[in-house]
């Protein structure tokens, strides 16, 4: 079976992909390396390389923050096929909110406990239903120390303005965190929220199997 190296969304783990299936392919979900102060998103992408066999062309799949990392990895390894879901290919596809936070970095005042509190109270804002919290919160709590503080800083200060034309982008038209109006060249999931990897897996699998297998 051909491997697809996958990176989940910010603060989530392999459980995010439990309903995703691509015929003839095995998903290998990468573990989060421990981030450190001052890391850029490109620096963090490099930290994933020891989990990837780069001796042959690489298939990548990333969700949300994981998709940003996949866009960076395209510049670091020879890729075969790359897909991002509910994500952005470059900084130009981020909404203006993130640009404001770059100029007024209030996120630096937050710690991981505060981010976890936000996650539990505002998960609905990105599309996770209350019934998913028993799965969502343990994933968030499993992250390394200072993970959220450093990763969110990487996201807000992301400076990538170009991207690989190999990237195949799947996005929901009801995504409120990364609105599709800012995104270019993507396949649309109707009524897909930022959390559609959980709730729209059937539709996403159809696109994935077409992309990877021509089915």
N, C-alpha and C. Protein backbone atom coordinates (compact mmCIF):
# COMPACT_ATOMS: atom_id res chain seq x y z
N UNK A 1 0.84 -1.20 0.00
CA UNK A 1 0.00 0.00 0.00
C UNK A 1 0.88 1.26 0.00
N UNK A 2 0.43 2.25 -0.72
CA UNK A 2 1.15 3.51 -0.77
C UNK A 2 0.80 4.34 0.46
N UNK A 3 1.82 5.01 1.01
CA UNK A 3 1.61 5.81 2.22
C UNK A 3 1.14 7.23 1.89
N UNK A 4 0.28 7.74 2.75
CA UNK A 4 -0.04 9.17 2.75
C UNK A 4 0.32 9.68 4.15
N UNK A 5 1.32 10.54 4.23
CA UNK A 5 1.69 11.13 5.52
C UNK A 5 0.69 12.24 5.83
N UNK A 6 0.07 12.16 7.00
CA UNK A 6 -0.98 13.12 7.33
C UNK A 6 -0.64 13.89 8.61
N UNK A 7 -1.07 15.14 8.61
CA UNK A 7 -0.88 16.01 9.78
C UNK A 7 -2.25 16.57 10.17
N UNK A 8 -2.71 16.30 11.38
CA UNK A 8 -4.05 16.77 11.80
C UNK A 8 -4.05 18.26 12.10
N UNK A 9 -5.21 18.76 12.52
CA UNK A 9 -5.35 20.17 12.85
C UNK A 9 -4.72 20.51 14.18
N UNK A 10 -4.61 21.78 14.45
CA UNK A 10 -3.98 22.28 15.67
C UNK A 10 -4.56 21.60 16.91
N UNK A 11 -3.70 20.98 17.70
CA UNK A 11 -4.13 20.38 18.95
C UNK A 11 -4.89 19.08 18.82
N UNK A 12 -4.91 18.47 17.63
CA UNK A 12 -5.62 17.21 17.46
C UNK A 12 -4.65 16.10 17.08
N UNK A 13 -5.14 14.87 17.06
CA UNK A 13 -4.29 13.71 16.85
C UNK A 13 -4.87 12.82 15.75
N UNK A 14 -4.36 11.60 15.66
CA UNK A 14 -4.78 10.66 14.62
C UNK A 14 -6.28 10.36 14.65
N UNK A 15 -6.93 10.58 15.79
CA UNK A 15 -8.37 10.31 15.89
C UNK A 15 -9.18 11.17 14.92
N UNK A 16 -8.59 12.30 14.51
CA UNK A 16 -9.30 13.19 13.60
C UNK A 16 -9.55 12.51 12.24
N UNK A 17 -8.71 11.53 11.90
CA UNK A 17 -8.81 10.89 10.58
C UNK A 17 -9.54 9.54 10.63
N UNK A 18 -10.22 9.24 11.71
CA UNK A 18 -10.76 7.89 11.87
C UNK A 18 -11.80 7.52 10.81
N UNK A 19 -12.43 8.51 10.20
CA UNK A 19 -13.45 8.22 9.18
C UNK A 19 -12.94 8.46 7.75
N UNK A 20 -11.64 8.73 7.63
CA UNK A 20 -11.06 9.00 6.31
C UNK A 20 -10.42 7.74 5.75
N UNK A 21 -10.74 7.44 4.49
CA UNK A 21 -10.25 6.22 3.86
C UNK A 21 -9.97 6.48 2.38
N UNK A 22 -8.78 6.06 1.95
CA UNK A 22 -8.38 6.21 0.55
C UNK A 22 -7.98 4.83 0.03
N UNK A 23 -8.69 4.33 -0.94
CA UNK A 23 -8.44 3.00 -1.48
C UNK A 23 -6.99 2.85 -1.95
N UNK A 24 -6.36 1.73 -1.53
CA UNK A 24 -5.00 1.44 -1.95
C UNK A 24 -3.94 2.24 -1.23
N UNK A 25 -4.32 3.00 -0.23
CA UNK A 25 -3.38 3.85 0.51
C UNK A 25 -3.54 3.65 2.01
N UNK A 26 -2.43 3.81 2.71
CA UNK A 26 -2.44 3.76 4.17
C UNK A 26 -2.10 5.14 4.72
N UNK A 27 -2.91 5.62 5.65
CA UNK A 27 -2.62 6.90 6.28
C UNK A 27 -1.62 6.71 7.41
N UNK A 28 -0.54 7.46 7.38
CA UNK A 28 0.41 7.47 8.48
C UNK A 28 0.34 8.84 9.12
N UNK A 29 -0.29 8.93 10.28
CA UNK A 29 -0.48 10.21 10.95
C UNK A 29 0.79 10.57 11.73
N UNK A 30 1.35 11.72 11.42
CA UNK A 30 2.60 12.14 12.05
C UNK A 30 2.36 12.67 13.46
N UNK A 31 3.33 12.41 14.32
CA UNK A 31 3.27 12.89 15.70
C UNK A 31 3.73 14.34 15.76
N UNK A 32 3.16 15.10 16.69
CA UNK A 32 3.56 16.49 16.85
C UNK A 32 4.94 16.60 17.50
N UNK A 33 5.93 17.19 16.83
CA UNK A 33 7.21 17.46 17.51
C UNK A 33 7.00 18.55 18.56
N UNK A 34 7.85 18.60 19.54
CA UNK A 34 7.74 19.64 20.55
C UNK A 34 8.22 20.96 19.94
N UNK A 35 7.36 21.97 19.90
CA UNK A 35 7.79 23.27 19.34
C UNK A 35 8.63 24.04 20.35
N UNK A 36 9.33 25.03 19.85
CA UNK A 36 10.14 25.84 20.77
C UNK A 36 9.98 27.33 20.43
N UNK A 37 10.34 28.15 21.38
CA UNK A 37 10.18 29.59 21.24
C UNK A 37 10.95 30.12 20.03
N UNK A 38 10.30 30.98 19.26
CA UNK A 38 10.97 31.59 18.12
C UNK A 38 10.90 30.79 16.84
N UNK A 39 10.34 29.59 16.88
CA UNK A 39 10.21 28.77 15.68
C UNK A 39 9.27 29.43 14.68
N UNK A 40 9.64 29.36 13.40
CA UNK A 40 8.72 29.74 12.34
C UNK A 40 7.98 28.49 11.88
N UNK A 41 6.97 28.69 11.06
CA UNK A 41 6.23 27.54 10.55
C UNK A 41 7.14 26.67 9.68
N UNK A 42 8.03 27.28 8.93
CA UNK A 42 8.98 26.50 8.13
C UNK A 42 9.92 25.70 9.03
N UNK A 43 10.38 26.30 10.12
CA UNK A 43 11.22 25.58 11.08
C UNK A 43 10.47 24.36 11.62
N UNK A 44 9.21 24.57 11.96
CA UNK A 44 8.42 23.49 12.54
C UNK A 44 8.18 22.38 11.51
N UNK A 45 7.97 22.76 10.26
CA UNK A 45 7.80 21.76 9.21
C UNK A 45 9.04 20.87 9.10
N UNK A 46 10.22 21.46 9.23
CA UNK A 46 11.47 20.70 9.17
C UNK A 46 11.53 19.67 10.29
N UNK A 47 10.91 19.97 11.43
CA UNK A 47 10.94 19.05 12.58
C UNK A 47 10.15 17.76 12.32
N UNK A 48 9.31 17.76 11.28
CA UNK A 48 8.54 16.56 10.92
C UNK A 48 9.33 15.62 10.01
N UNK A 49 10.43 16.08 9.46
CA UNK A 49 11.11 15.32 8.40
C UNK A 49 11.64 13.97 8.85
N UNK A 50 12.02 13.84 10.13
CA UNK A 50 12.56 12.55 10.56
C UNK A 50 11.49 11.47 10.66
N UNK A 51 10.21 11.84 10.47
CA UNK A 51 9.12 10.86 10.46
C UNK A 51 8.72 10.46 9.04
N UNK A 52 9.38 11.08 8.05
CA UNK A 52 9.00 10.88 6.65
C UNK A 52 10.15 10.26 5.87
N UNK A 53 9.85 9.23 5.09
CA UNK A 53 10.85 8.63 4.21
C UNK A 53 10.95 9.49 2.96
N UNK A 54 12.00 10.30 2.90
CA UNK A 54 12.16 11.22 1.78
C UNK A 54 13.00 10.64 0.65
N UNK A 55 13.28 9.33 0.72
CA UNK A 55 14.07 8.70 -0.35
C UNK A 55 13.22 8.46 -1.60
N UNK A 56 11.93 8.65 -1.48
CA UNK A 56 11.03 8.51 -2.62
C UNK A 56 9.97 9.62 -2.54
N UNK A 57 9.30 9.93 -3.67
CA UNK A 57 8.29 10.98 -3.64
C UNK A 57 7.23 10.74 -2.56
N UNK A 58 6.82 11.81 -1.91
CA UNK A 58 6.00 11.76 -0.71
C UNK A 58 4.56 12.23 -1.00
N UNK A 59 3.58 11.48 -0.48
CA UNK A 59 2.18 11.93 -0.47
C UNK A 59 1.90 12.60 0.87
N UNK A 60 1.23 13.75 0.83
CA UNK A 60 0.94 14.50 2.06
C UNK A 60 -0.54 14.84 2.14
N UNK A 61 -1.06 14.86 3.37
CA UNK A 61 -2.42 15.34 3.62
C UNK A 61 -2.42 16.09 4.94
N UNK A 62 -2.98 17.31 4.94
CA UNK A 62 -3.02 18.08 6.17
C UNK A 62 -4.36 18.77 6.35
N UNK A 63 -4.79 18.85 7.60
CA UNK A 63 -6.05 19.50 7.94
C UNK A 63 -5.75 20.79 8.72
N UNK A 64 -6.34 21.90 8.29
CA UNK A 64 -6.20 23.17 9.00
C UNK A 64 -4.72 23.53 9.20
N UNK A 65 -4.25 23.65 10.42
CA UNK A 65 -2.85 23.97 10.70
C UNK A 65 -1.93 22.94 10.05
N UNK A 66 -2.38 21.68 10.01
CA UNK A 66 -1.59 20.64 9.35
C UNK A 66 -1.45 20.90 7.86
N UNK A 67 -2.44 21.54 7.25
CA UNK A 67 -2.35 21.88 5.83
C UNK A 67 -1.30 22.95 5.57
N UNK A 68 -1.20 23.92 6.48
CA UNK A 68 -0.16 24.95 6.37
C UNK A 68 1.21 24.30 6.40
N UNK A 69 1.37 23.33 7.30
CA UNK A 69 2.64 22.61 7.39
C UNK A 69 2.93 21.83 6.12
N UNK A 70 1.89 21.24 5.52
CA UNK A 70 2.08 20.53 4.26
C UNK A 70 2.54 21.48 3.15
N UNK A 71 1.99 22.68 3.13
CA UNK A 71 2.41 23.67 2.15
C UNK A 71 3.89 23.99 2.30
N UNK A 72 4.35 24.08 3.54
CA UNK A 72 5.78 24.32 3.79
C UNK A 72 6.61 23.10 3.41
N UNK A 73 6.12 21.90 3.71
CA UNK A 73 6.85 20.68 3.39
C UNK A 73 7.05 20.49 1.89
N UNK A 74 6.13 21.05 1.10
CA UNK A 74 6.29 20.98 -0.37
C UNK A 74 7.59 21.62 -0.82
N UNK A 75 8.10 22.58 -0.06
CA UNK A 75 9.36 23.24 -0.40
C UNK A 75 10.57 22.48 0.13
N UNK A 76 10.33 21.47 0.96
CA UNK A 76 11.43 20.79 1.63
C UNK A 76 11.67 19.37 1.12
N UNK A 77 10.65 18.74 0.55
CA UNK A 77 10.78 17.37 0.07
C UNK A 77 10.16 17.25 -1.32
N UNK A 78 10.59 16.24 -2.06
CA UNK A 78 9.99 15.96 -3.36
C UNK A 78 8.65 15.28 -3.12
N UNK A 79 7.58 15.90 -3.60
CA UNK A 79 6.26 15.38 -3.33
C UNK A 79 5.64 14.72 -4.56
N UNK A 80 4.75 13.77 -4.30
CA UNK A 80 3.98 13.13 -5.35
C UNK A 80 2.62 13.81 -5.43
N UNK A 81 1.79 13.59 -4.40
CA UNK A 81 0.49 14.23 -4.33
C UNK A 81 0.32 14.87 -2.95
N UNK A 82 -0.33 16.04 -2.95
CA UNK A 82 -0.51 16.80 -1.72
C UNK A 82 -1.95 17.30 -1.66
N UNK A 83 -2.61 17.06 -0.53
CA UNK A 83 -3.97 17.56 -0.35
C UNK A 83 -4.08 18.27 0.99
N UNK A 84 -4.76 19.40 1.00
CA UNK A 84 -5.03 20.08 2.27
C UNK A 84 -6.54 20.26 2.40
N UNK A 85 -7.00 20.21 3.63
CA UNK A 85 -8.44 20.24 3.93
C UNK A 85 -8.70 21.33 4.97
N UNK A 86 -9.67 22.19 4.71
CA UNK A 86 -10.02 23.27 5.67
C UNK A 86 -8.77 24.05 6.07
N UNK A 87 -8.02 24.49 5.08
CA UNK A 87 -6.71 25.07 5.36
C UNK A 87 -6.40 26.20 4.39
N UNK A 88 -5.12 26.60 4.34
CA UNK A 88 -4.66 27.65 3.45
C UNK A 88 -3.34 27.23 2.81
N UNK A 89 -3.15 27.63 1.58
CA UNK A 89 -1.93 27.29 0.86
C UNK A 89 -0.81 28.31 1.10
N UNK A 90 -1.20 29.54 1.44
CA UNK A 90 -0.24 30.60 1.72
C UNK A 90 -0.89 31.63 2.65
N UNK A 91 -0.10 32.56 3.11
CA UNK A 91 -0.61 33.59 4.01
C UNK A 91 -1.70 34.43 3.35
N UNK A 92 -1.64 34.54 2.04
CA UNK A 92 -2.61 35.35 1.32
C UNK A 92 -4.04 34.83 1.45
N UNK A 93 -4.19 33.57 1.86
CA UNK A 93 -5.53 32.99 2.00
C UNK A 93 -6.06 33.07 3.43
N UNK A 94 -5.27 33.64 4.34
CA UNK A 94 -5.75 33.84 5.72
C UNK A 94 -6.66 35.06 5.78
N UNK A 95 -7.70 35.01 6.60
CA UNK A 95 -8.57 36.19 6.74
C UNK A 95 -7.85 37.34 7.45
N UNK A 96 -8.42 38.52 7.36
CA UNK A 96 -7.78 39.73 7.90
C UNK A 96 -7.56 39.67 9.41
N UNK A 97 -8.34 38.85 10.10
CA UNK A 97 -8.18 38.72 11.56
C UNK A 97 -6.75 38.35 11.92
N UNK A 98 -6.15 37.47 11.15
CA UNK A 98 -4.80 37.03 11.44
C UNK A 98 -3.77 38.13 11.18
N UNK A 99 -4.06 38.99 10.22
CA UNK A 99 -3.15 40.11 9.94
C UNK A 99 -3.19 41.12 11.09
N UNK A 100 -4.39 41.32 11.65
CA UNK A 100 -4.53 42.23 12.79
C UNK A 100 -3.74 41.70 13.98
N UNK A 101 -3.83 40.39 14.22
CA UNK A 101 -3.11 39.79 15.35
C UNK A 101 -1.60 39.85 15.18
N UNK A 102 -1.14 39.92 13.93
CA UNK A 102 0.30 40.08 13.70
C UNK A 102 0.75 41.47 14.15
N UNK A 103 -0.09 42.47 13.92
CA UNK A 103 0.25 43.85 14.31
C UNK A 103 0.00 44.08 15.79
N UNK A 104 -1.04 43.42 16.33
CA UNK A 104 -1.39 43.56 17.75
C UNK A 104 -1.37 42.17 18.39
N UNK A 105 -0.19 41.66 18.72
CA UNK A 105 -0.04 40.26 19.14
C UNK A 105 -0.54 39.95 20.56
N UNK A 106 -1.84 40.12 20.76
CA UNK A 106 -2.41 39.87 22.08
C UNK A 106 -2.31 38.39 22.46
N UNK A 107 -2.13 37.50 21.46
CA UNK A 107 -2.03 36.08 21.76
C UNK A 107 -0.84 35.75 22.65
N UNK A 108 0.14 36.63 22.69
CA UNK A 108 1.33 36.38 23.51
C UNK A 108 1.02 36.48 25.00
N UNK A 109 -0.14 37.05 25.31
CA UNK A 109 -0.55 37.18 26.72
C UNK A 109 -1.21 35.89 27.23
N UNK A 110 -1.52 34.95 26.32
CA UNK A 110 -2.24 33.75 26.70
C UNK A 110 -1.28 32.61 27.01
N UNK A 111 -1.73 31.70 27.89
CA UNK A 111 -0.96 30.48 28.13
C UNK A 111 -1.79 29.27 27.68
N UNK A 112 -1.21 28.08 27.78
CA UNK A 112 -1.88 26.89 27.27
C UNK A 112 -3.19 26.60 28.01
N UNK A 113 -3.23 26.87 29.31
CA UNK A 113 -4.46 26.62 30.06
C UNK A 113 -5.61 27.48 29.53
N UNK A 114 -5.28 28.70 29.15
CA UNK A 114 -6.31 29.59 28.61
C UNK A 114 -6.78 29.10 27.25
N UNK A 115 -5.85 28.63 26.42
CA UNK A 115 -6.22 28.09 25.11
C UNK A 115 -7.12 26.86 25.27
N UNK A 116 -6.81 26.00 26.25
CA UNK A 116 -7.63 24.83 26.50
C UNK A 116 -9.03 25.22 26.96
N UNK A 117 -9.09 26.27 27.76
CA UNK A 117 -10.39 26.77 28.21
C UNK A 117 -11.21 27.28 27.03
N UNK A 118 -10.55 28.01 26.13
CA UNK A 118 -11.22 28.49 24.93
C UNK A 118 -11.74 27.31 24.11
N UNK A 119 -10.88 26.27 23.99
CA UNK A 119 -11.24 25.10 23.17
C UNK A 119 -12.51 24.43 23.69
N UNK A 120 -12.63 24.33 25.00
CA UNK A 120 -13.79 23.65 25.58
C UNK A 120 -15.07 24.49 25.47
N UNK A 121 -14.92 25.81 25.52
CA UNK A 121 -16.10 26.68 25.52
C UNK A 121 -16.49 27.18 24.13
N UNK A 122 -15.51 27.21 23.21
CA UNK A 122 -15.78 27.80 21.89
C UNK A 122 -15.58 26.82 20.74
N UNK A 123 -15.57 25.53 21.04
CA UNK A 123 -15.38 24.54 19.97
C UNK A 123 -16.48 24.64 18.92
N UNK A 124 -17.68 25.05 19.34
CA UNK A 124 -18.80 25.19 18.41
C UNK A 124 -18.50 26.23 17.33
N UNK A 125 -17.65 27.20 17.66
CA UNK A 125 -17.37 28.28 16.72
C UNK A 125 -16.65 27.80 15.47
N UNK A 126 -15.93 26.68 15.57
CA UNK A 126 -15.24 26.13 14.40
C UNK A 126 -15.97 24.91 13.84
N UNK A 127 -17.12 24.57 14.45
CA UNK A 127 -17.95 23.52 13.88
C UNK A 127 -18.03 22.22 14.65
N UNK A 128 -17.31 22.11 15.78
CA UNK A 128 -17.38 20.88 16.57
C UNK A 128 -18.62 20.91 17.47
N UNK A 129 -19.46 19.92 17.34
CA UNK A 129 -20.67 19.85 18.16
C UNK A 129 -20.32 19.43 19.59
N UNK A 130 -21.20 19.76 20.51
CA UNK A 130 -20.96 19.46 21.93
C UNK A 130 -20.73 17.97 22.16
N UNK A 131 -21.39 17.13 21.39
CA UNK A 131 -21.25 15.68 21.55
C UNK A 131 -19.85 15.18 21.22
N UNK A 132 -19.05 16.02 20.51
CA UNK A 132 -17.69 15.61 20.12
C UNK A 132 -16.65 15.98 21.18
N UNK A 133 -17.03 16.78 22.17
CA UNK A 133 -16.08 17.24 23.18
C UNK A 133 -15.35 16.10 23.91
N UNK A 134 -16.02 14.97 24.25
CA UNK A 134 -15.29 13.88 24.91
C UNK A 134 -14.14 13.32 24.08
N UNK A 135 -14.17 13.51 22.77
CA UNK A 135 -13.05 13.10 21.91
C UNK A 135 -12.09 14.25 21.69
N UNK A 136 -12.63 15.45 21.53
CA UNK A 136 -11.84 16.62 21.19
C UNK A 136 -10.92 17.05 22.33
N UNK A 137 -11.45 17.16 23.54
CA UNK A 137 -10.66 17.71 24.65
C UNK A 137 -9.47 16.84 25.04
N UNK A 138 -9.60 15.50 25.09
CA UNK A 138 -8.40 14.69 25.39
C UNK A 138 -7.28 14.88 24.36
N UNK A 139 -7.63 15.08 23.10
CA UNK A 139 -6.61 15.35 22.09
C UNK A 139 -5.89 16.64 22.42
N UNK A 140 -6.64 17.67 22.74
CA UNK A 140 -6.05 18.97 23.06
C UNK A 140 -5.13 18.88 24.28
N UNK A 141 -5.57 18.11 25.27
CA UNK A 141 -4.79 18.01 26.52
C UNK A 141 -3.53 17.17 26.36
N UNK A 142 -3.43 16.43 25.27
CA UNK A 142 -2.26 15.56 25.05
C UNK A 142 -1.08 16.30 24.42
N UNK A 143 -1.24 17.56 24.09
CA UNK A 143 -0.19 18.31 23.40
C UNK A 143 0.98 18.63 24.33
N UNK A 144 2.20 18.80 23.75
CA UNK A 144 3.38 19.14 24.57
C UNK A 144 3.22 20.50 25.25
N UNK A 145 3.99 20.71 26.28
CA UNK A 145 3.97 21.98 27.00
C UNK A 145 4.27 23.15 26.06
N UNK A 146 3.51 24.21 26.19
CA UNK A 146 3.65 25.44 25.40
C UNK A 146 3.35 25.24 23.92
N UNK A 147 2.79 24.11 23.57
CA UNK A 147 2.45 23.81 22.17
C UNK A 147 1.57 24.89 21.56
N UNK A 148 0.47 25.23 22.21
CA UNK A 148 -0.49 26.19 21.65
C UNK A 148 0.13 27.58 21.53
N UNK A 149 0.83 28.00 22.55
CA UNK A 149 1.43 29.34 22.54
C UNK A 149 2.38 29.50 21.36
N UNK A 150 3.24 28.51 21.15
CA UNK A 150 4.24 28.61 20.09
C UNK A 150 3.63 28.40 18.71
N UNK A 151 2.72 27.43 18.59
CA UNK A 151 2.14 27.14 17.27
C UNK A 151 1.23 28.26 16.78
N UNK A 152 0.46 28.85 17.67
CA UNK A 152 -0.41 29.95 17.26
C UNK A 152 0.43 31.16 16.85
N UNK A 153 1.56 31.36 17.52
CA UNK A 153 2.46 32.43 17.12
C UNK A 153 3.03 32.18 15.73
N UNK A 154 3.36 30.90 15.43
CA UNK A 154 3.84 30.54 14.08
C UNK A 154 2.79 30.86 13.03
N UNK A 155 1.55 30.50 13.33
CA UNK A 155 0.45 30.72 12.40
C UNK A 155 0.26 32.21 12.11
N UNK A 156 0.21 33.00 13.16
CA UNK A 156 -0.05 34.43 13.00
C UNK A 156 1.09 35.13 12.25
N UNK A 157 2.30 34.64 12.42
CA UNK A 157 3.47 35.27 11.78
C UNK A 157 3.91 34.55 10.50
N UNK A 158 3.07 33.65 10.00
CA UNK A 158 3.39 32.93 8.77
C UNK A 158 3.62 33.92 7.63
N UNK A 159 4.72 33.73 6.90
CA UNK A 159 5.06 34.70 5.85
C UNK A 159 5.08 34.10 4.45
N UNK A 160 4.59 32.90 4.29
CA UNK A 160 4.63 32.24 2.98
C UNK A 160 3.62 32.90 2.02
N UNK A 161 4.09 33.34 0.86
CA UNK A 161 3.21 34.03 -0.09
C UNK A 161 3.05 33.26 -1.40
N UNK A 162 3.80 32.18 -1.59
CA UNK A 162 3.67 31.34 -2.78
C UNK A 162 3.39 29.91 -2.33
N UNK A 163 2.94 29.08 -3.26
CA UNK A 163 2.67 27.68 -2.89
C UNK A 163 2.80 26.77 -4.10
N UNK A 164 3.00 25.50 -3.83
CA UNK A 164 3.13 24.50 -4.87
C UNK A 164 1.82 24.31 -5.61
N UNK A 165 1.89 24.26 -6.93
CA UNK A 165 0.70 24.04 -7.74
C UNK A 165 0.21 22.60 -7.65
N UNK A 166 0.99 21.75 -6.98
CA UNK A 166 0.57 20.36 -6.77
C UNK A 166 -0.54 20.23 -5.73
N UNK A 167 -0.69 21.26 -4.91
CA UNK A 167 -1.62 21.16 -3.78
C UNK A 167 -3.07 21.09 -4.27
N UNK A 168 -3.78 20.07 -3.80
CA UNK A 168 -5.20 19.88 -4.07
C UNK A 168 -5.94 20.29 -2.80
N UNK A 169 -6.84 21.24 -2.92
CA UNK A 169 -7.43 21.90 -1.75
C UNK A 169 -8.92 21.57 -1.67
N UNK A 170 -9.36 21.08 -0.50
CA UNK A 170 -10.77 20.81 -0.24
C UNK A 170 -11.21 21.73 0.89
N UNK A 171 -12.30 22.47 0.67
CA UNK A 171 -12.70 23.48 1.66
C UNK A 171 -14.22 23.53 1.76
N UNK A 172 -14.71 23.82 2.95
CA UNK A 172 -16.14 23.93 3.17
C UNK A 172 -16.65 25.35 2.96
N UNK A 173 -17.87 25.47 2.42
CA UNK A 173 -18.41 26.81 2.19
C UNK A 173 -19.08 27.40 3.42
N UNK A 174 -19.03 26.66 4.55
CA UNK A 174 -19.56 27.18 5.82
C UNK A 174 -18.46 27.29 6.87
N UNK A 175 -17.22 27.34 6.43
CA UNK A 175 -16.07 27.47 7.33
C UNK A 175 -16.01 28.92 7.82
N UNK A 176 -16.19 29.13 9.12
CA UNK A 176 -16.16 30.49 9.67
C UNK A 176 -14.78 30.89 10.17
N UNK A 177 -13.91 29.92 10.45
CA UNK A 177 -12.56 30.25 10.92
C UNK A 177 -11.68 30.68 9.75
N UNK A 178 -11.74 29.92 8.66
CA UNK A 178 -11.01 30.25 7.43
C UNK A 178 -12.02 30.33 6.29
N UNK A 179 -12.72 31.43 6.17
CA UNK A 179 -13.79 31.54 5.17
C UNK A 179 -13.31 31.27 3.75
N UNK A 180 -14.14 30.57 3.01
CA UNK A 180 -13.74 30.18 1.65
C UNK A 180 -13.60 31.37 0.71
N UNK A 181 -14.16 32.51 1.08
CA UNK A 181 -14.05 33.71 0.24
C UNK A 181 -12.60 34.15 0.07
N UNK A 182 -11.74 33.78 1.00
CA UNK A 182 -10.33 34.18 0.93
C UNK A 182 -9.46 33.14 0.21
N UNK A 183 -10.06 32.00 -0.11
CA UNK A 183 -9.30 30.86 -0.63
C UNK A 183 -9.49 30.73 -2.13
N UNK A 184 -8.43 30.32 -2.84
CA UNK A 184 -8.49 30.15 -4.28
C UNK A 184 -8.29 28.68 -4.66
N UNK A 185 -8.87 28.30 -5.79
CA UNK A 185 -8.62 26.99 -6.40
C UNK A 185 -8.87 25.83 -5.42
N UNK A 186 -10.13 25.58 -5.13
CA UNK A 186 -10.46 24.50 -4.19
C UNK A 186 -11.72 23.77 -4.62
N UNK A 187 -11.84 22.54 -4.11
CA UNK A 187 -13.07 21.76 -4.27
C UNK A 187 -13.97 22.10 -3.09
N UNK A 188 -15.26 22.31 -3.37
CA UNK A 188 -16.18 22.77 -2.33
C UNK A 188 -16.98 21.63 -1.70
N UNK A 189 -17.02 21.63 -0.38
CA UNK A 189 -17.92 20.76 0.37
C UNK A 189 -19.09 21.62 0.83
N UNK A 190 -20.27 21.34 0.34
CA UNK A 190 -21.44 22.12 0.71
C UNK A 190 -21.76 21.96 2.20
N UNK A 191 -21.99 23.08 2.85
CA UNK A 191 -22.29 23.14 4.29
C UNK A 191 -21.15 22.57 5.13
N UNK A 192 -19.96 22.57 4.57
CA UNK A 192 -18.80 22.08 5.31
C UNK A 192 -18.22 23.14 6.22
N UNK A 193 -18.14 22.87 7.51
CA UNK A 193 -17.55 23.80 8.48
C UNK A 193 -16.06 23.53 8.58
N UNK A 194 -15.40 24.25 9.49
CA UNK A 194 -13.96 24.02 9.70
C UNK A 194 -13.72 22.61 10.26
N UNK A 195 -14.74 22.03 10.87
CA UNK A 195 -14.62 20.68 11.45
C UNK A 195 -15.20 19.61 10.52
N UNK A 196 -15.28 19.89 9.24
CA UNK A 196 -15.95 18.95 8.33
C UNK A 196 -15.22 17.62 8.18
N UNK A 197 -13.95 17.56 8.54
CA UNK A 197 -13.22 16.28 8.50
C UNK A 197 -13.94 15.23 9.35
N UNK A 198 -14.67 15.69 10.37
CA UNK A 198 -15.43 14.79 11.25
C UNK A 198 -16.83 14.52 10.69
N UNK A 199 -17.48 15.58 10.21
CA UNK A 199 -18.91 15.48 9.87
C UNK A 199 -19.21 15.29 8.38
N UNK A 200 -18.22 15.52 7.53
CA UNK A 200 -18.43 15.39 6.09
C UNK A 200 -17.42 14.41 5.49
N UNK A 201 -17.07 13.38 6.26
CA UNK A 201 -16.03 12.44 5.82
C UNK A 201 -16.41 11.73 4.52
N UNK A 202 -17.67 11.38 4.36
CA UNK A 202 -18.10 10.68 3.15
C UNK A 202 -17.83 11.51 1.90
N UNK A 203 -18.20 12.80 1.94
CA UNK A 203 -17.97 13.67 0.80
C UNK A 203 -16.47 13.89 0.57
N UNK A 204 -15.72 14.06 1.67
CA UNK A 204 -14.27 14.26 1.56
C UNK A 204 -13.62 13.02 0.96
N UNK A 205 -14.03 11.83 1.41
CA UNK A 205 -13.47 10.59 0.87
C UNK A 205 -13.69 10.46 -0.64
N UNK A 206 -14.83 10.94 -1.11
CA UNK A 206 -15.11 10.90 -2.54
C UNK A 206 -14.08 11.73 -3.31
N UNK A 207 -13.80 12.94 -2.83
CA UNK A 207 -12.78 13.78 -3.47
C UNK A 207 -11.39 13.14 -3.36
N UNK A 208 -11.08 12.59 -2.19
CA UNK A 208 -9.75 11.99 -1.98
C UNK A 208 -9.52 10.80 -2.90
N UNK A 209 -10.52 9.95 -3.04
CA UNK A 209 -10.36 8.78 -3.89
C UNK A 209 -10.26 9.17 -5.37
N UNK A 210 -10.93 10.24 -5.74
CA UNK A 210 -10.80 10.75 -7.10
C UNK A 210 -9.39 11.30 -7.32
N UNK A 211 -8.88 12.02 -6.34
CA UNK A 211 -7.56 12.64 -6.45
C UNK A 211 -6.43 11.62 -6.47
N UNK A 212 -6.49 10.68 -5.53
CA UNK A 212 -5.40 9.71 -5.42
C UNK A 212 -5.52 8.53 -6.37
N UNK A 213 -6.74 8.18 -6.75
CA UNK A 213 -6.95 6.97 -7.54
C UNK A 213 -7.70 7.19 -8.86
N UNK A 214 -8.17 8.40 -9.08
CA UNK A 214 -8.93 8.66 -10.29
C UNK A 214 -10.29 8.01 -10.28
N UNK A 215 -10.80 7.68 -9.06
CA UNK A 215 -12.08 6.98 -8.96
C UNK A 215 -13.26 7.96 -8.92
